[in-house]
Amino acid sequence: MDDPVRAGGHGAAGAMWKAHGTLRSITKTVRIDCDPSAVYAFLCDLANWPRWAVVNIKSTSRTADPEWWDMVTPHGAARLRLRADPRHGILDHDYIDPQASWTVYARVIPNGSGAEFMMTFFQPPSFSDDVFDAQITLIDVELAKLKEILEASSGSVER
């Protein structure tokens, strides 16, 4: 397997799972008063990610490989691959940066006339508990920004 994220299950995390059974995980959710299909369409476009993932992503750009996007992050260059399935609202993504690589499992699901966006994060083996906790706290800022952008659009999200 030459995929650095998915080898052994989930990249470096795969080896840790085999050694310890499970990794520490945290799931974050945000309720968005916007049509679920509009939320999904906005999130499927990785060019939109710097607009809402304001802490972790400075910019994104397509690469020659249609599966991967290059990113600039506060830690330097990184790569992002979205594995989307619109039938089930799946927006799982693989992330590689100089610190670590991991998979984030994400979903958009209907919630009444709006949507719920959820992301599950597994602590990369290279992250201490303090580093992981700090990163997870910053996700709240990004989810609040996502909610603000999508609700301000009143369902007509620019893509």
Protein backbone atom coordinates (compact mmCIF):
# COMPACT_ATOMS: atom_id res chain seq x y z
CA MET A 1 0.00 0.00 0.00
CA ASP A 2 1.47 3.31 -0.99
CA ASP A 3 -1.23 5.47 0.55
CA PRO A 4 0.33 7.08 3.64
CA VAL A 5 -3.01 7.81 5.27
CA ARG A 6 -4.91 4.60 4.75
CA ALA A 7 -2.10 2.04 5.02
CA GLY A 8 -2.78 -0.30 7.89
CA GLY A 9 -6.23 1.16 8.43
CA HIS A 10 -5.50 4.84 8.96
CA GLY A 11 -1.87 5.68 8.36
CA ALA A 12 0.20 6.05 11.51
CA ALA A 13 -3.00 5.65 13.49
CA GLY A 14 -3.41 2.14 12.05
CA ALA A 15 -0.29 0.91 13.83
CA MET A 16 -1.41 2.53 17.09
CA TRP A 17 -4.85 0.88 16.82
CA LYS A 18 -3.22 -2.49 16.37
CA ALA A 19 -1.01 -1.92 19.41
CA HIS A 20 -3.64 -0.39 21.73
CA GLY A 21 -7.05 -1.32 20.34
CA THR A 22 -8.45 2.19 20.03
CA LEU A 23 -7.35 5.80 19.85
CA ARG A 24 -8.78 8.72 21.76
CA SER A 25 -11.51 10.37 19.71
CA ILE A 26 -13.71 13.44 19.85
CA THR A 27 -16.78 14.15 17.71
CA LYS A 28 -17.78 17.77 17.09
CA THR A 29 -21.14 18.79 15.68
CA VAL A 30 -22.80 21.99 14.57
CA ARG A 31 -26.47 22.57 13.77
CA ILE A 32 -26.89 24.69 10.64
CA ASP A 33 -30.17 26.34 9.64
CA CYS A 34 -29.63 25.67 5.95
CA ASP A 35 -30.78 22.99 3.52
CA PRO A 36 -28.62 19.87 3.95
CA SER A 37 -27.92 19.66 0.21
CA ALA A 38 -26.57 23.23 0.24
CA VAL A 39 -24.37 22.45 3.25
CA TYR A 40 -23.07 19.32 1.53
CA ALA A 41 -22.41 21.12 -1.78
CA PHE A 42 -20.50 23.90 -0.01
CA LEU A 43 -18.35 21.44 1.93
CA CYS A 44 -17.68 19.24 -1.12
CA ASP A 45 -15.85 22.11 -2.78
CA LEU A 46 -12.41 22.16 -1.17
CA ALA A 47 -11.88 25.67 -2.58
CA ASN A 48 -14.40 26.78 0.10
CA TRP A 49 -12.46 25.33 3.01
CA PRO A 50 -10.21 28.36 3.66
CA ARG A 51 -13.41 30.41 4.10
CA TRP A 52 -14.59 28.39 7.09
CA ALA A 53 -11.58 26.38 8.33
CA VAL A 54 -9.97 29.71 9.20
CA VAL A 55 -7.67 28.33 11.91
CA ASN A 56 -6.20 25.37 10.06
CA ILE A 57 -6.30 26.21 6.35
CA LYS A 58 -4.90 29.37 4.78
CA SER A 59 -5.39 28.30 1.15
CA THR A 60 -6.17 25.30 -1.05
CA SER A 61 -5.26 24.52 -4.65
CA ARG A 62 -5.88 21.65 -7.01
CA THR A 63 -3.04 19.29 -7.86
CA ALA A 64 -2.28 17.19 -10.94
CA ASP A 65 -3.74 14.26 -8.97
CA PRO A 66 -7.52 14.82 -9.02
CA GLU A 67 -7.92 13.10 -5.63
CA TRP A 68 -5.57 15.39 -3.70
CA TRP A 69 -5.49 19.12 -3.02
CA ASP A 70 -2.50 21.08 -1.76
CA MET A 71 -3.02 23.35 1.23
CA VAL A 72 -1.13 25.97 3.11
CA THR A 73 -1.63 25.64 6.87
CA PRO A 74 -0.16 27.44 9.88
CA HIS A 75 2.34 24.54 10.03
CA GLY A 76 3.33 24.70 6.36
CA ALA A 77 2.37 22.70 3.32
CA ALA A 78 -0.22 19.93 3.62
CA ARG A 79 -2.37 17.71 1.43
CA LEU A 80 -6.08 16.98 1.61
CA ARG A 81 -8.20 14.32 -0.05
CA LEU A 82 -11.99 14.30 0.18
CA ARG A 83 -13.79 10.97 -0.04
CA ALA A 84 -17.36 12.10 -0.57
CA ASP A 85 -20.58 10.13 -1.00
CA PRO A 86 -23.58 12.42 -1.50
CA ARG A 87 -26.12 9.59 -1.08
CA HIS A 88 -25.15 9.31 2.58
CA GLY A 89 -23.81 12.81 3.29
CA ILE A 90 -20.27 11.44 3.71
CA LEU A 91 -17.39 13.93 3.61
CA ASP A 92 -14.55 11.84 5.03
CA HIS A 93 -11.17 13.37 4.38
CA ASP A 94 -7.55 12.39 4.61
CA TYR A 95 -5.06 14.96 5.79
CA ILE A 96 -1.26 14.92 5.64
CA ASP A 97 0.94 17.67 7.07
CA PRO A 98 4.48 17.84 8.49
CA GLN A 99 3.20 16.97 12.00
CA ALA A 100 1.02 13.96 11.25
CA SER A 101 -1.46 12.28 8.93
CA TRP A 102 -4.97 11.22 9.77
CA THR A 103 -8.46 10.60 8.52
CA VAL A 104 -11.39 12.71 9.68
CA TYR A 105 -14.80 11.10 9.35
CA ALA A 106 -17.45 13.69 8.55
CA ARG A 107 -21.16 13.67 7.74
CA VAL A 108 -23.92 16.09 6.81
CA ILE A 109 -27.29 14.80 7.95
CA PRO A 110 -30.77 16.33 7.83
CA ASN A 111 -32.05 17.94 11.02
CA GLY A 112 -35.59 19.15 10.44
CA SER A 113 -35.39 21.75 7.67
CA GLY A 114 -31.70 22.28 8.41
CA ALA A 115 -28.60 20.16 8.76
CA GLU A 116 -26.19 18.76 11.28
CA PHE A 117 -22.50 18.62 10.34
CA MET A 118 -20.37 16.27 12.39
CA MET A 119 -16.69 15.43 12.37
CA THR A 120 -14.90 12.71 14.34
CA PHE A 121 -11.23 13.25 15.12
CA PHE A 122 -8.83 10.55 16.29
CA GLN A 123 -5.75 11.69 18.16
CA PRO A 124 -2.70 11.12 15.94
CA PRO A 125 0.01 9.11 17.72
CA SER A 126 2.43 12.01 17.28
CA PHE A 127 0.16 14.42 19.21
CA SER A 128 0.33 14.74 22.98
CA ASP A 129 -2.99 15.05 24.81
CA ASP A 130 -2.35 18.79 25.26
CA VAL A 131 -1.66 19.36 21.54
CA PHE A 132 -4.73 17.34 20.54
CA ASP A 133 -6.95 19.19 23.04
CA ALA A 134 -5.72 22.56 21.75
CA GLN A 135 -6.40 21.57 18.14
CA ILE A 136 -9.88 20.27 18.95
CA THR A 137 -10.77 23.49 20.78
CA LEU A 138 -9.91 25.42 17.62
CA ILE A 139 -12.39 23.32 15.63
CA ASP A 140 -15.21 25.08 17.51
CA VAL A 141 -14.07 28.38 15.95
CA GLU A 142 -14.17 26.82 12.49
CA LEU A 143 -17.59 25.21 12.95
CA ALA A 144 -19.00 28.53 14.18
CA LYS A 145 -17.59 30.20 11.04
CA LEU A 146 -19.12 27.49 8.83
CA LYS A 147 -22.51 28.03 10.49
CA GLU A 148 -22.21 31.81 10.06
CA ILE A 149 -21.37 31.55 6.34
CA LEU A 150 -24.09 29.06 5.50
CA GLU A 151 -26.86 30.66 7.54
CA ALA A 152 -26.05 34.11 6.15
CA SER A 153 -26.49 32.70 2.66
CA SER A 154 -30.13 31.75 3.37
CA GLY A 155 -29.63 28.55 1.41
CA SER A 156 -28.10 30.15 -1.66
CA VAL A 157 -24.46 29.39 -0.96
CA GLU A 158 -21.89 30.72 -3.40
CA ARG A 159 -19.86 27.87 -4.84
